[in-house]
């Protein structure tokens, strides 16, 4: 997921979800930002323990919340981890997890900039 040109999120989608309410969008993004580290830890733990059920479940949860917010990169990587969990395939999980961490770091940096929700 090293494609740094890709936007962090689909603004049009996110504004549609919030009916154009930028204050609500900001609240949702901040909630996601507060919640994702725990999910990331759970995914990492599931990979280390080869707990495919937990990997599938947690990646699915992250996929859902990121998809609702239009966080395309996070959604795609979470979906990939979910599929790997369902297939009980450990092969690419660490690489995908690293890519997901990178994308989530991009997201955190993006929403830490004042006025991002107004752009």
PDB file of N, CA and C in Angstrom:
ATOM      1  N   UNK A   1       0.838  -1.189   0.000  1.00  0.00           N
ATOM      2  CA  UNK A   1       0.000   0.000   0.000  1.00  0.00           C
ATOM      3  C   UNK A   1       0.879   1.248   0.000  1.00  0.00           C
ATOM      4  N   UNK A   2       1.984   1.201  -0.655  1.00  0.00           N
ATOM      5  CA  UNK A   2       2.921   2.316  -0.667  1.00  0.00           C
ATOM      6  C   UNK A   2       2.517   3.408  -1.645  1.00  0.00           C
ATOM      7  N   UNK A   3       1.321   3.393  -2.121  1.00  0.00           N
ATOM      8  CA  UNK A   3       0.833   4.378  -3.065  1.00  0.00           C
ATOM      9  C   UNK A   3       0.433   5.643  -2.317  1.00  0.00           C
ATOM     10  N   UNK A   4       1.401   6.543  -2.124  1.00  0.00           N
ATOM     11  CA  UNK A   4       1.166   7.746  -1.330  1.00  0.00           C
ATOM     12  C   UNK A   4       0.297   8.774  -2.061  1.00  0.00           C
ATOM     13  N   UNK A   5       0.052   8.586  -3.347  1.00  0.00           N
ATOM     14  CA  UNK A   5      -0.768   9.511  -4.111  1.00  0.00           C
ATOM     15  C   UNK A   5      -2.254   9.304  -3.798  1.00  0.00           C
ATOM     16  N   UNK A   6      -2.615   8.106  -3.442  1.00  0.00           N
ATOM     17  CA  UNK A   6      -4.007   7.783  -3.135  1.00  0.00           C
ATOM     18  C   UNK A   6      -4.453   8.596  -1.918  1.00  0.00           C
ATOM     19  N   UNK A   7      -5.633   9.229  -1.993  1.00  0.00           N
ATOM     20  CA  UNK A   7      -6.122   9.995  -0.837  1.00  0.00           C
ATOM     21  C   UNK A   7      -6.369   9.098   0.375  1.00  0.00           C
ATOM     22  N   UNK A   8      -6.266   9.689   1.552  1.00  0.00           N
ATOM     23  CA  UNK A   8      -6.490   8.957   2.782  1.00  0.00           C
ATOM     24  C   UNK A   8      -7.942   8.482   2.854  1.00  0.00           C
ATOM     25  N   UNK A   9      -8.861   9.341   2.410  1.00  0.00           N
ATOM     26  CA  UNK A   9     -10.261   8.928   2.438  1.00  0.00           C
ATOM     27  C   UNK A   9     -11.040   9.555   1.295  1.00  0.00           C
ATOM     28  N   UNK A  10     -12.177   8.949   1.017  1.00  0.00           N
ATOM     29  CA  UNK A  10     -13.077   9.409  -0.028  1.00  0.00           C
ATOM     30  C   UNK A  10     -14.018  10.440   0.599  1.00  0.00           C
ATOM     31  N   UNK A  11     -13.677  11.713   0.414  1.00  0.00           N
ATOM     32  CA  UNK A  11     -14.433  12.800   1.045  1.00  0.00           C
ATOM     33  C   UNK A  11     -15.906  12.779   0.631  1.00  0.00           C
ATOM     34  N   UNK A  12     -16.167  12.531  -0.639  1.00  0.00           N
ATOM     35  CA  UNK A  12     -17.549  12.524  -1.126  1.00  0.00           C
ATOM     36  C   UNK A  12     -18.361  11.448  -0.397  1.00  0.00           C
ATOM     37  N   UNK A  13     -17.789  10.269  -0.261  1.00  0.00           N
ATOM     38  CA  UNK A  13     -18.458   9.178   0.455  1.00  0.00           C
ATOM     39  C   UNK A  13     -18.691   9.562   1.917  1.00  0.00           C
ATOM     40  N   UNK A  14     -17.658  10.074   2.559  1.00  0.00           N
ATOM     41  CA  UNK A  14     -17.751  10.441   3.977  1.00  0.00           C
ATOM     42  C   UNK A  14     -18.794  11.534   4.202  1.00  0.00           C
ATOM     43  N   UNK A  15     -18.854  12.499   3.302  1.00  0.00           N
ATOM     44  CA  UNK A  15     -19.843  13.569   3.443  1.00  0.00           C
ATOM     45  C   UNK A  15     -21.248  13.032   3.198  1.00  0.00           C
ATOM     46  N   UNK A  16     -21.366  12.043   2.337  1.00  0.00           N
ATOM     47  CA  UNK A  16     -22.665  11.406   2.122  1.00  0.00           C
ATOM     48  C   UNK A  16     -23.155  10.686   3.364  1.00  0.00           C
ATOM     49  N   UNK A  17     -22.247  10.006   4.047  1.00  0.00           N
ATOM     50  CA  UNK A  17     -22.589   9.271   5.272  1.00  0.00           C
ATOM     51  C   UNK A  17     -23.070  10.230   6.358  1.00  0.00           C
ATOM     52  N   UNK A  18     -22.484  11.419   6.403  1.00  0.00           N
ATOM     53  CA  UNK A  18     -22.814  12.385   7.460  1.00  0.00           C
ATOM     54  C   UNK A  18     -23.792  13.463   6.988  1.00  0.00           C
ATOM     55  N   UNK A  19     -24.390  13.274   5.819  1.00  0.00           N
ATOM     56  CA  UNK A  19     -25.311  14.269   5.245  1.00  0.00           C
ATOM     57  C   UNK A  19     -24.691  15.666   5.197  1.00  0.00           C
ATOM     58  N   UNK A  20     -23.389  15.711   4.907  1.00  0.00           N
ATOM     59  CA  UNK A  20     -22.696  16.986   4.766  1.00  0.00           C
ATOM     60  C   UNK A  20     -22.335  17.667   6.077  1.00  0.00           C
ATOM     61  N   UNK A  21     -22.523  16.993   7.181  1.00  0.00           N
ATOM     62  CA  UNK A  21     -22.256  17.566   8.503  1.00  0.00           C
ATOM     63  C   UNK A  21     -20.778  17.357   8.859  1.00  0.00           C
ATOM     64  N   UNK A  22     -19.971  18.390   8.655  1.00  0.00           N
ATOM     65  CA  UNK A  22     -18.534  18.256   8.894  1.00  0.00           C
ATOM     66  C   UNK A  22     -18.209  18.048  10.377  1.00  0.00           C
ATOM     67  N   UNK A  23     -19.010  18.619  11.269  1.00  0.00           N
ATOM     68  CA  UNK A  23     -18.781  18.425  12.707  1.00  0.00           C
ATOM     69  C   UNK A  23     -18.979  16.949  13.066  1.00  0.00           C
ATOM     70  N   UNK A  24     -20.031  16.347  12.540  1.00  0.00           N
ATOM     71  CA  UNK A  24     -20.296  14.933  12.785  1.00  0.00           C
ATOM     72  C   UNK A  24     -19.198  14.062  12.174  1.00  0.00           C
ATOM     73  N   UNK A  25     -18.774  14.413  10.969  1.00  0.00           N
ATOM     74  CA  UNK A  25     -17.682  13.677  10.321  1.00  0.00           C
ATOM     75  C   UNK A  25     -16.432  13.714  11.186  1.00  0.00           C
ATOM     76  N   UNK A  26     -16.121  14.892  11.709  1.00  0.00           N
ATOM     77  CA  UNK A  26     -14.938  15.031  12.561  1.00  0.00           C
ATOM     78  C   UNK A  26     -15.068  14.151  13.806  1.00  0.00           C
ATOM     79  N   UNK A  27     -16.238  14.117  14.410  1.00  0.00           N
ATOM     80  CA  UNK A  27     -16.466  13.278  15.588  1.00  0.00           C
ATOM     81  C   UNK A  27     -16.269  11.797  15.249  1.00  0.00           C
ATOM     82  N   UNK A  28     -16.830  11.357  14.115  1.00  0.00           N
ATOM     83  CA  UNK A  28     -16.692   9.961  13.699  1.00  0.00           C
ATOM     84  C   UNK A  28     -15.234   9.595  13.441  1.00  0.00           C
ATOM     85  N   UNK A  29     -14.513  10.486  12.779  1.00  0.00           N
ATOM     86  CA  UNK A  29     -13.104  10.225  12.482  1.00  0.00           C
ATOM     87  C   UNK A  29     -12.276  10.166  13.768  1.00  0.00           C
ATOM     88  N   UNK A  30     -12.579  11.038  14.714  1.00  0.00           N
ATOM     89  CA  UNK A  30     -11.866  11.021  15.989  1.00  0.00           C
ATOM     90  C   UNK A  30     -12.170   9.744  16.775  1.00  0.00           C
ATOM     91  N   UNK A  31     -13.415   9.283  16.721  1.00  0.00           N
ATOM     92  CA  UNK A  31     -13.771   8.024  17.385  1.00  0.00           C
ATOM     93  C   UNK A  31     -13.010   6.864  16.741  1.00  0.00           C
ATOM     94  N   UNK A  32     -12.959   6.852  15.417  1.00  0.00           N
ATOM     95  CA  UNK A  32     -12.223   5.803  14.719  1.00  0.00           C
ATOM     96  C   UNK A  32     -10.749   5.858  15.109  1.00  0.00           C
ATOM     97  N   UNK A  33     -10.184   7.068  15.159  1.00  0.00           N
ATOM     98  CA  UNK A  33      -8.775   7.253  15.514  1.00  0.00           C
ATOM     99  C   UNK A  33      -8.489   6.749  16.933  1.00  0.00           C
ATOM    100  N   UNK A  34      -9.443   6.930  17.845  1.00  0.00           N
ATOM    101  CA  UNK A  34      -9.278   6.448  19.216  1.00  0.00           C
ATOM    102  C   UNK A  34      -9.414   4.925  19.303  1.00  0.00           C
ATOM    103  N   UNK A  35     -10.246   4.348  18.448  1.00  0.00           N
ATOM    104  CA  UNK A  35     -10.565   2.919  18.530  1.00  0.00           C
ATOM    105  C   UNK A  35      -9.612   2.002  17.769  1.00  0.00           C
ATOM    106  N   UNK A  36      -9.057   2.487  16.656  1.00  0.00           N
ATOM    107  CA  UNK A  36      -8.304   1.558  15.812  1.00  0.00           C
ATOM    108  C   UNK A  36      -7.047   0.963  16.470  1.00  0.00           C
ATOM    109  N   UNK A  37      -6.331   1.667  17.370  1.00  0.00           N
ATOM    110  CA  UNK A  37      -5.125   1.036  17.942  1.00  0.00           C
ATOM    111  C   UNK A  37      -5.416  -0.292  18.654  1.00  0.00           C
ATOM    112  N   UNK A  38      -6.552  -0.373  19.341  1.00  0.00           N
ATOM    113  CA  UNK A  38      -6.905  -1.622  20.012  1.00  0.00           C
ATOM    114  C   UNK A  38      -7.166  -2.734  18.983  1.00  0.00           C
ATOM    115  N   UNK A  39      -7.851  -2.385  17.913  1.00  0.00           N
ATOM    116  CA  UNK A  39      -8.109  -3.378  16.862  1.00  0.00           C
ATOM    117  C   UNK A  39      -6.804  -3.822  16.209  1.00  0.00           C
ATOM    118  N   UNK A  40      -5.913  -2.883  15.995  1.00  0.00           N
ATOM    119  CA  UNK A  40      -4.613  -3.205  15.406  1.00  0.00           C
ATOM    120  C   UNK A  40      -3.834  -4.154  16.320  1.00  0.00           C
ATOM    121  N   UNK A  41      -3.865  -3.884  17.612  1.00  0.00           N
ATOM    122  CA  UNK A  41      -3.212  -4.781  18.587  1.00  0.00           C
ATOM    123  C   UNK A  41      -3.839  -6.169  18.550  1.00  0.00           C
ATOM    124  N   UNK A  42      -5.169  -6.222  18.462  1.00  0.00           N
ATOM    125  CA  UNK A  42      -5.864  -7.509  18.405  1.00  0.00           C
ATOM    126  C   UNK A  42      -5.498  -8.284  17.136  1.00  0.00           C
ATOM    127  N   UNK A  43      -5.373  -7.577  16.019  1.00  0.00           N
ATOM    128  CA  UNK A  43      -4.978  -8.222  14.762  1.00  0.00           C
ATOM    129  C   UNK A  43      -3.555  -8.760  14.878  1.00  0.00           C
ATOM    130  N   UNK A  44      -2.668  -7.945  15.415  1.00  0.00           N
ATOM    131  CA  UNK A  44      -1.275  -8.356  15.591  1.00  0.00           C
ATOM    132  C   UNK A  44      -1.179  -9.598  16.476  1.00  0.00           C
ATOM    133  N   UNK A  45      -1.921  -9.589  17.571  1.00  0.00           N
ATOM    134  CA  UNK A  45      -1.935 -10.729  18.488  1.00  0.00           C
ATOM    135  C   UNK A  45      -2.490 -11.974  17.789  1.00  0.00           C
ATOM    136  N   UNK A  46      -3.557 -11.804  17.029  1.00  0.00           N
ATOM    137  CA  UNK A  46      -4.163 -12.938  16.316  1.00  0.00           C
ATOM    138  C   UNK A  46      -3.179 -13.542  15.319  1.00  0.00           C
ATOM    139  N   UNK A  47      -2.405 -12.699  14.653  1.00  0.00           N
ATOM    140  CA  UNK A  47      -1.412 -13.196  13.701  1.00  0.00           C
ATOM    141  C   UNK A  47      -0.319 -13.963  14.435  1.00  0.00           C
ATOM    142  N   UNK A  48       0.189 -13.388  15.518  1.00  0.00           N
ATOM    143  CA  UNK A  48       1.247 -14.055  16.291  1.00  0.00           C
ATOM    144  C   UNK A  48       0.800 -15.416  16.807  1.00  0.00           C
ATOM    145  N   UNK A  49      -0.465 -15.480  17.235  1.00  0.00           N
ATOM    146  CA  UNK A  49      -0.997 -16.722  17.803  1.00  0.00           C
ATOM    147  C   UNK A  49      -1.618 -17.640  16.743  1.00  0.00           C
ATOM    148  N   UNK A  50      -1.598 -17.181  15.491  1.00  0.00           N
ATOM    149  CA  UNK A  50      -2.246 -17.908  14.387  1.00  0.00           C
ATOM    150  C   UNK A  50      -3.703 -18.234  14.725  1.00  0.00           C
ATOM    151  N   UNK A  51      -4.355 -17.238  15.323  1.00  0.00           N
ATOM    152  CA  UNK A  51      -5.771 -17.343  15.673  1.00  0.00           C
ATOM    153  C   UNK A  51      -6.564 -16.748  14.505  1.00  0.00           C
ATOM    154  N   UNK A  52      -6.858 -17.577  13.534  1.00  0.00           N
ATOM    155  CA  UNK A  52      -7.479 -17.108  12.300  1.00  0.00           C
ATOM    156  C   UNK A  52      -8.894 -16.593  12.521  1.00  0.00           C
ATOM    157  N   UNK A  53      -9.614 -17.171  13.470  1.00  0.00           N
ATOM    158  CA  UNK A  53     -10.961 -16.707  13.767  1.00  0.00           C
ATOM    159  C   UNK A  53     -10.924 -15.267  14.290  1.00  0.00           C
ATOM    160  N   UNK A  54     -10.010 -14.989  15.211  1.00  0.00           N
ATOM    161  CA  UNK A  54      -9.870 -13.632  15.755  1.00  0.00           C
ATOM    162  C   UNK A  54      -9.389 -12.664  14.678  1.00  0.00           C
ATOM    163  N   UNK A  55      -8.495 -13.117  13.810  1.00  0.00           N
ATOM    164  CA  UNK A  55      -8.014 -12.276  12.712  1.00  0.00           C
ATOM    165  C   UNK A  55      -9.164 -11.901  11.791  1.00  0.00           C
ATOM    166  N   UNK A  56      -9.934 -12.882  11.390  1.00  0.00           N
ATOM    167  CA  UNK A  56     -11.085 -12.672  10.515  1.00  0.00           C
ATOM    168  C   UNK A  56     -12.070 -11.695  11.161  1.00  0.00           C
ATOM    169  N   UNK A  57     -12.416 -11.948  12.414  1.00  0.00           N
ATOM    170  CA  UNK A  57     -13.419 -11.142  13.125  1.00  0.00           C
ATOM    171  C   UNK A  57     -12.960  -9.688  13.310  1.00  0.00           C
ATOM    172  N   UNK A  58     -11.741  -9.498  13.759  1.00  0.00           N
ATOM    173  CA  UNK A  58     -11.251  -8.142  14.034  1.00  0.00           C
ATOM    174  C   UNK A  58     -11.015  -7.371  12.739  1.00  0.00           C
ATOM    175  N   UNK A  59     -10.447  -8.037  11.743  1.00  0.00           N
ATOM    176  CA  UNK A  59     -10.244  -7.369  10.451  1.00  0.00           C
ATOM    177  C   UNK A  59     -11.590  -6.986   9.832  1.00  0.00           C
ATOM    178  N   UNK A  60     -12.584  -7.851   9.995  1.00  0.00           N
ATOM    179  CA  UNK A  60     -13.933  -7.557   9.482  1.00  0.00           C
ATOM    180  C   UNK A  60     -14.504  -6.299  10.151  1.00  0.00           C
ATOM    181  N   UNK A  61     -14.323  -6.192  11.452  1.00  0.00           N
ATOM    182  CA  UNK A  61     -14.806  -5.032  12.200  1.00  0.00           C
ATOM    183  C   UNK A  61     -14.113  -3.744  11.724  1.00  0.00           C
ATOM    184  N   UNK A  62     -12.804  -3.807  11.565  1.00  0.00           N
ATOM    185  CA  UNK A  62     -12.043  -2.647  11.090  1.00  0.00           C
ATOM    186  C   UNK A  62     -12.443  -2.293   9.658  1.00  0.00           C
ATOM    187  N   UNK A  63     -12.677  -3.314   8.856  1.00  0.00           N
ATOM    188  CA  UNK A  63     -13.112  -3.101   7.467  1.00  0.00           C
ATOM    189  C   UNK A  63     -14.443  -2.357   7.443  1.00  0.00           C
ATOM    190  N   UNK A  64     -15.368  -2.777   8.288  1.00  0.00           N
ATOM    191  CA  UNK A  64     -16.685  -2.142   8.308  1.00  0.00           C
ATOM    192  C   UNK A  64     -16.631  -0.681   8.702  1.00  0.00           C
ATOM    193  N   UNK A  65     -15.947  -0.392   9.784  1.00  0.00           N
ATOM    194  CA  UNK A  65     -15.896   1.001  10.248  1.00  0.00           C
ATOM    195  C   UNK A  65     -15.112   1.884   9.282  1.00  0.00           C
ATOM    196  N   UNK A  66     -14.030   1.374   8.722  1.00  0.00           N
ATOM    197  CA  UNK A  66     -13.252   2.188   7.777  1.00  0.00           C
ATOM    198  C   UNK A  66     -14.014   2.378   6.468  1.00  0.00           C
ATOM    199  N   UNK A  67     -14.743   1.363   6.056  1.00  0.00           N
ATOM    200  CA  UNK A  67     -15.537   1.475   4.828  1.00  0.00           C
ATOM    201  C   UNK A  67     -16.633   2.511   4.972  1.00  0.00           C
ATOM    202  N   UNK A  68     -17.291   2.529   6.123  1.00  0.00           N
ATOM    203  CA  UNK A  68     -18.339   3.521   6.355  1.00  0.00           C
ATOM    204  C   UNK A  68     -17.810   4.945   6.285  1.00  0.00           C
ATOM    205  N   UNK A  69     -16.559   5.134   6.694  1.00  0.00           N
ATOM    206  CA  UNK A  69     -15.958   6.472   6.696  1.00  0.00           C
ATOM    207  C   UNK A  69     -15.256   6.814   5.383  1.00  0.00           C
ATOM    208  N   UNK A  70     -15.229   5.885   4.458  1.00  0.00           N
ATOM    209  CA  UNK A  70     -14.572   6.146   3.180  1.00  0.00           C
ATOM    210  C   UNK A  70     -13.056   6.068   3.247  1.00  0.00           C
ATOM    211  N   UNK A  71     -12.529   5.340   4.237  1.00  0.00           N
ATOM    212  CA  UNK A  71     -11.078   5.176   4.369  1.00  0.00           C
ATOM    213  C   UNK A  71     -10.663   4.001   3.477  1.00  0.00           C
ATOM    214  N   UNK A  72     -10.545   4.290   2.208  1.00  0.00           N
ATOM    215  CA  UNK A  72     -10.384   3.265   1.180  1.00  0.00           C
ATOM    216  C   UNK A  72      -9.187   2.355   1.405  1.00  0.00           C
ATOM    217  N   UNK A  73      -8.029   2.913   1.685  1.00  0.00           N
ATOM    218  CA  UNK A  73      -6.826   2.109   1.888  1.00  0.00           C
ATOM    219  C   UNK A  73      -6.941   1.193   3.086  1.00  0.00           C
ATOM    220  N   UNK A  74      -7.463   1.718   4.190  1.00  0.00           N
ATOM    221  CA  UNK A  74      -7.650   0.917   5.404  1.00  0.00           C
ATOM    222  C   UNK A  74      -8.657  -0.191   5.119  1.00  0.00           C
ATOM    223  N   UNK A  75      -9.723   0.157   4.412  1.00  0.00           N
ATOM    224  CA  UNK A  75     -10.750  -0.826   4.059  1.00  0.00           C
ATOM    225  C   UNK A  75     -10.138  -1.977   3.247  1.00  0.00           C
ATOM    226  N   UNK A  76      -9.387  -1.632   2.205  1.00  0.00           N
ATOM    227  CA  UNK A  76      -8.814  -2.665   1.334  1.00  0.00           C
ATOM    228  C   UNK A  76      -7.859  -3.590   2.082  1.00  0.00           C
ATOM    229  N   UNK A  77      -7.028  -3.027   2.928  1.00  0.00           N
ATOM    230  CA  UNK A  77      -6.064  -3.845   3.679  1.00  0.00           C
ATOM    231  C   UNK A  77      -6.752  -4.683   4.752  1.00  0.00           C
ATOM    232  N   UNK A  78      -7.777  -4.136   5.376  1.00  0.00           N
ATOM    233  CA  UNK A  78      -8.548  -4.902   6.353  1.00  0.00           C
ATOM    234  C   UNK A  78      -9.259  -6.066   5.673  1.00  0.00           C
ATOM    235  N   UNK A  79      -9.781  -5.813   4.496  1.00  0.00           N
ATOM    236  CA  UNK A  79     -10.457  -6.854   3.725  1.00  0.00           C
ATOM    237  C   UNK A  79      -9.476  -7.976   3.374  1.00  0.00           C
ATOM    238  N   UNK A  80      -8.271  -7.577   2.988  1.00  0.00           N
ATOM    239  CA  UNK A  80      -7.248  -8.576   2.662  1.00  0.00           C
ATOM    240  C   UNK A  80      -6.925  -9.435   3.889  1.00  0.00           C
ATOM    241  N   UNK A  81      -6.781  -8.791   5.049  1.00  0.00           N
ATOM    242  CA  UNK A  81      -6.510  -9.548   6.280  1.00  0.00           C
ATOM    243  C   UNK A  81      -7.694 -10.445   6.648  1.00  0.00           C
ATOM    244  N   UNK A  82      -8.890  -9.948   6.448  1.00  0.00           N
ATOM    245  CA  UNK A  82     -10.079 -10.760   6.719  1.00  0.00           C
ATOM    246  C   UNK A  82     -10.072 -12.017   5.832  1.00  0.00           C
ATOM    247  N   UNK A  83      -9.789 -11.828   4.556  1.00  0.00           N
ATOM    248  CA  UNK A  83      -9.734 -12.980   3.637  1.00  0.00           C
ATOM    249  C   UNK A  83      -8.640 -13.963   4.039  1.00  0.00           C
ATOM    250  N   UNK A  84      -7.481 -13.456   4.459  1.00  0.00           N
ATOM    251  CA  UNK A  84      -6.396 -14.335   4.901  1.00  0.00           C
ATOM    252  C   UNK A  84      -6.818 -15.123   6.139  1.00  0.00           C
ATOM    253  N   UNK A  85      -7.558 -14.471   7.036  1.00  0.00           N
ATOM    254  CA  UNK A  85      -8.061 -15.155   8.220  1.00  0.00           C
ATOM    255  C   UNK A  85      -9.049 -16.254   7.859  1.00  0.00           C
ATOM    256  N   UNK A  86      -9.958 -15.937   6.957  1.00  0.00           N
ATOM    257  CA  UNK A  86     -10.944 -16.939   6.524  1.00  0.00           C
ATOM    258  C   UNK A  86     -10.260 -18.134   5.869  1.00  0.00           C
ATOM    259  N   UNK A  87      -9.198 -17.864   5.091  1.00  0.00           N
ATOM    260  CA  UNK A  87      -8.488 -18.920   4.369  1.00  0.00           C
ATOM    261  C   UNK A  87      -7.456 -19.631   5.250  1.00  0.00           C
ATOM    262  N   UNK A  88      -7.305 -19.148   6.482  1.00  0.00           N
ATOM    263  CA  UNK A  88      -6.281 -19.692   7.396  1.00  0.00           C
ATOM    264  C   UNK A  88      -4.890 -19.660   6.741  1.00  0.00           C
ATOM    265  N   UNK A  89      -4.624 -18.523   6.106  1.00  0.00           N
ATOM    266  CA  UNK A  89      -3.383 -18.319   5.350  1.00  0.00           C
ATOM    267  C   UNK A  89      -2.521 -17.292   6.075  1.00  0.00           C
ATOM    268  N   UNK A  90      -1.432 -17.732   6.669  1.00  0.00           N
ATOM    269  CA  UNK A  90      -0.554 -16.851   7.443  1.00  0.00           C
ATOM    270  C   UNK A  90       0.475 -16.145   6.550  1.00  0.00           C
ATOM    271  N   UNK A  91       0.617 -16.610   5.331  1.00  0.00           N
ATOM    272  CA  UNK A  91       1.699 -16.205   4.427  1.00  0.00           C
ATOM    273  C   UNK A  91       1.927 -14.688   4.332  1.00  0.00           C
ATOM    274  N   UNK A  92       0.919 -13.932   3.979  1.00  0.00           N
ATOM    275  CA  UNK A  92       1.096 -12.491   3.746  1.00  0.00           C
ATOM    276  C   UNK A  92       0.590 -11.627   4.895  1.00  0.00           C
ATOM    277  N   UNK A  93       0.250 -12.224   6.012  1.00  0.00           N
ATOM    278  CA  UNK A  93      -0.381 -11.438   7.075  1.00  0.00           C
ATOM    279  C   UNK A  93       0.533 -10.362   7.658  1.00  0.00           C
ATOM    280  N   UNK A  94       1.792 -10.678   7.908  1.00  0.00           N
ATOM    281  CA  UNK A  94       2.683  -9.674   8.502  1.00  0.00           C
ATOM    282  C   UNK A  94       2.940  -8.515   7.549  1.00  0.00           C
ATOM    283  N   UNK A  95       3.124  -8.816   6.285  1.00  0.00           N
ATOM    284  CA  UNK A  95       3.330  -7.757   5.285  1.00  0.00           C
ATOM    285  C   UNK A  95       2.084  -6.868   5.190  1.00  0.00           C
ATOM    286  N   UNK A  96       0.928  -7.500   5.151  1.00  0.00           N
ATOM    287  CA  UNK A  96      -0.322  -6.743   5.059  1.00  0.00           C
ATOM    288  C   UNK A  96      -0.554  -5.927   6.321  1.00  0.00           C
ATOM    289  N   UNK A  97      -0.223  -6.496   7.474  1.00  0.00           N
ATOM    290  CA  UNK A  97      -0.350  -5.757   8.733  1.00  0.00           C
ATOM    291  C   UNK A  97       0.554  -4.527   8.725  1.00  0.00           C
ATOM    292  N   UNK A  98       1.774  -4.656   8.245  1.00  0.00           N
ATOM    293  CA  UNK A  98       2.682  -3.503   8.148  1.00  0.00           C
ATOM    294  C   UNK A  98       2.103  -2.425   7.236  1.00  0.00           C
ATOM    295  N   UNK A  99       1.526  -2.841   6.127  1.00  0.00           N
ATOM    296  CA  UNK A  99       0.914  -1.882   5.201  1.00  0.00           C
ATOM    297  C   UNK A  99      -0.281  -1.191   5.860  1.00  0.00           C
ATOM    298  N   UNK A 100      -1.056  -1.969   6.618  1.00  0.00           N
ATOM    299  CA  UNK A 100      -2.208  -1.403   7.322  1.00  0.00           C
ATOM    300  C   UNK A 100      -1.745  -0.382   8.368  1.00  0.00           C
ATOM    301  N   UNK A 101      -0.699  -0.700   9.098  1.00  0.00           N
ATOM    302  CA  UNK A 101      -0.156   0.240  10.088  1.00  0.00           C
ATOM    303  C   UNK A 101       0.270   1.544   9.415  1.00  0.00           C
ATOM    304  N   UNK A 102       0.925   1.427   8.257  1.00  0.00           N
ATOM    305  CA  UNK A 102       1.342   2.607   7.493  1.00  0.00           C
ATOM    306  C   UNK A 102       0.148   3.457   7.088  1.00  0.00           C
ATOM    307  N   UNK A 103      -0.877   2.797   6.592  1.00  0.00           N
ATOM    308  CA  UNK A 103      -2.062   3.520   6.137  1.00  0.00           C
ATOM    309  C   UNK A 103      -2.784   4.182   7.305  1.00  0.00           C
ATOM    310  N   UNK A 104      -2.847   3.514   8.429  1.00  0.00           N
ATOM    311  CA  UNK A 104      -3.483   4.105   9.604  1.00  0.00           C
ATOM    312  C   UNK A 104      -2.669   5.275  10.148  1.00  0.00           C
ATOM    313  N   UNK A 105      -1.361   5.204  10.020  1.00  0.00           N
ATOM    314  CA  UNK A 105      -0.500   6.330  10.421  1.00  0.00           C
ATOM    315  C   UNK A 105      -0.763   7.535   9.508  1.00  0.00           C
ATOM    316  N   UNK A 106      -0.930   7.285   8.231  1.00  0.00           N
ATOM    317  CA  UNK A 106      -1.284   8.361   7.287  1.00  0.00           C
ATOM    318  C   UNK A 106      -2.604   9.005   7.699  1.00  0.00           C
ATOM    319  N   UNK A 107      -3.565   8.171   8.060  1.00  0.00           N
ATOM    320  CA  UNK A 107      -4.871   8.654   8.493  1.00  0.00           C
ATOM    321  C   UNK A 107      -4.730   9.536   9.738  1.00  0.00           C
ATOM    322  N   UNK A 108      -4.000   9.050  10.739  1.00  0.00           N
ATOM    323  CA  UNK A 108      -3.827   9.816  11.983  1.00  0.00           C
ATOM    324  C   UNK A 108      -3.163  11.162  11.728  1.00  0.00           C
ATOM    325  N   UNK A 109      -2.148  11.169  10.893  1.00  0.00           N
ATOM    326  CA  UNK A 109      -1.476  12.427  10.565  1.00  0.00           C
ATOM    327  C   UNK A 109      -2.426  13.366   9.839  1.00  0.00           C
ATOM    328  N   UNK A 110      -3.210  12.824   8.937  1.00  0.00           N
ATOM    329  CA  UNK A 110      -4.140  13.631   8.155  1.00  0.00           C
ATOM    330  C   UNK A 110      -5.150  14.327   9.053  1.00  0.00           C
ATOM    331  N   UNK A 111      -5.778  13.568   9.961  1.00  0.00           N
ATOM    332  CA  UNK A 111      -6.823  14.204  10.787  1.00  0.00           C
ATOM    333  C   UNK A 111      -6.252  15.033  11.934  1.00  0.00           C
ATOM    334  N   UNK A 112      -4.940  14.979  12.129  1.00  0.00           N
ATOM    335  CA  UNK A 112      -4.342  15.833  13.157  1.00  0.00           C
ATOM    336  C   UNK A 112      -4.101  17.248  12.626  1.00  0.00           C
ATOM    337  N   UNK A 113      -4.216  17.424  11.297  1.00  0.00           N
ATOM    338  CA  UNK A 113      -4.046  18.757  10.705  1.00  0.00           C
ATOM    339  C   UNK A 113      -5.308  19.590  10.934  1.00  0.00           C
ATOM    340  N   UNK A 114      -5.147  20.783  11.462  1.00  0.00           N
ATOM    341  CA  UNK A 114      -6.317  21.656  11.660  1.00  0.00           C
ATOM    342  C   UNK A 114      -7.010  21.927  10.328  1.00  0.00           C
ATOM    343  N   UNK A 115      -8.330  21.835  10.358  1.00  0.00           N
ATOM    344  CA  UNK A 115      -9.130  22.176   9.191  1.00  0.00           C
ATOM    345  C   UNK A 115      -9.268  21.093   8.136  1.00  0.00           C
ATOM    346  N   UNK A 116      -8.772  19.884   8.388  1.00  0.00           N
ATOM    347  CA  UNK A 116      -8.847  18.818   7.378  1.00  0.00           C
ATOM    348  C   UNK A 116     -10.291  18.568   6.958  1.00  0.00           C
ATOM    349  N   UNK A 117     -11.226  18.694   7.882  1.00  0.00           N
ATOM    350  CA  UNK A 117     -12.617  18.369   7.592  1.00  0.00           C
ATOM    351  C   UNK A 117     -13.294  19.409   6.691  1.00  0.00           C
ATOM    352  N   UNK A 118     -12.658  20.556   6.544  1.00  0.00           N
ATOM    353  CA  UNK A 118     -13.227  21.628   5.719  1.00  0.00           C
ATOM    354  C   UNK A 118     -12.677  21.638   4.298  1.00  0.00           C
ATOM    355  N   UNK A 119     -11.619  20.861   4.042  1.00  0.00           N
ATOM    356  CA  UNK A 119     -10.963  20.901   2.723  1.00  0.00           C
ATOM    357  C   UNK A 119     -11.849  20.374   1.633  1.00  0.00           C
TER     358      UNK A 119
END
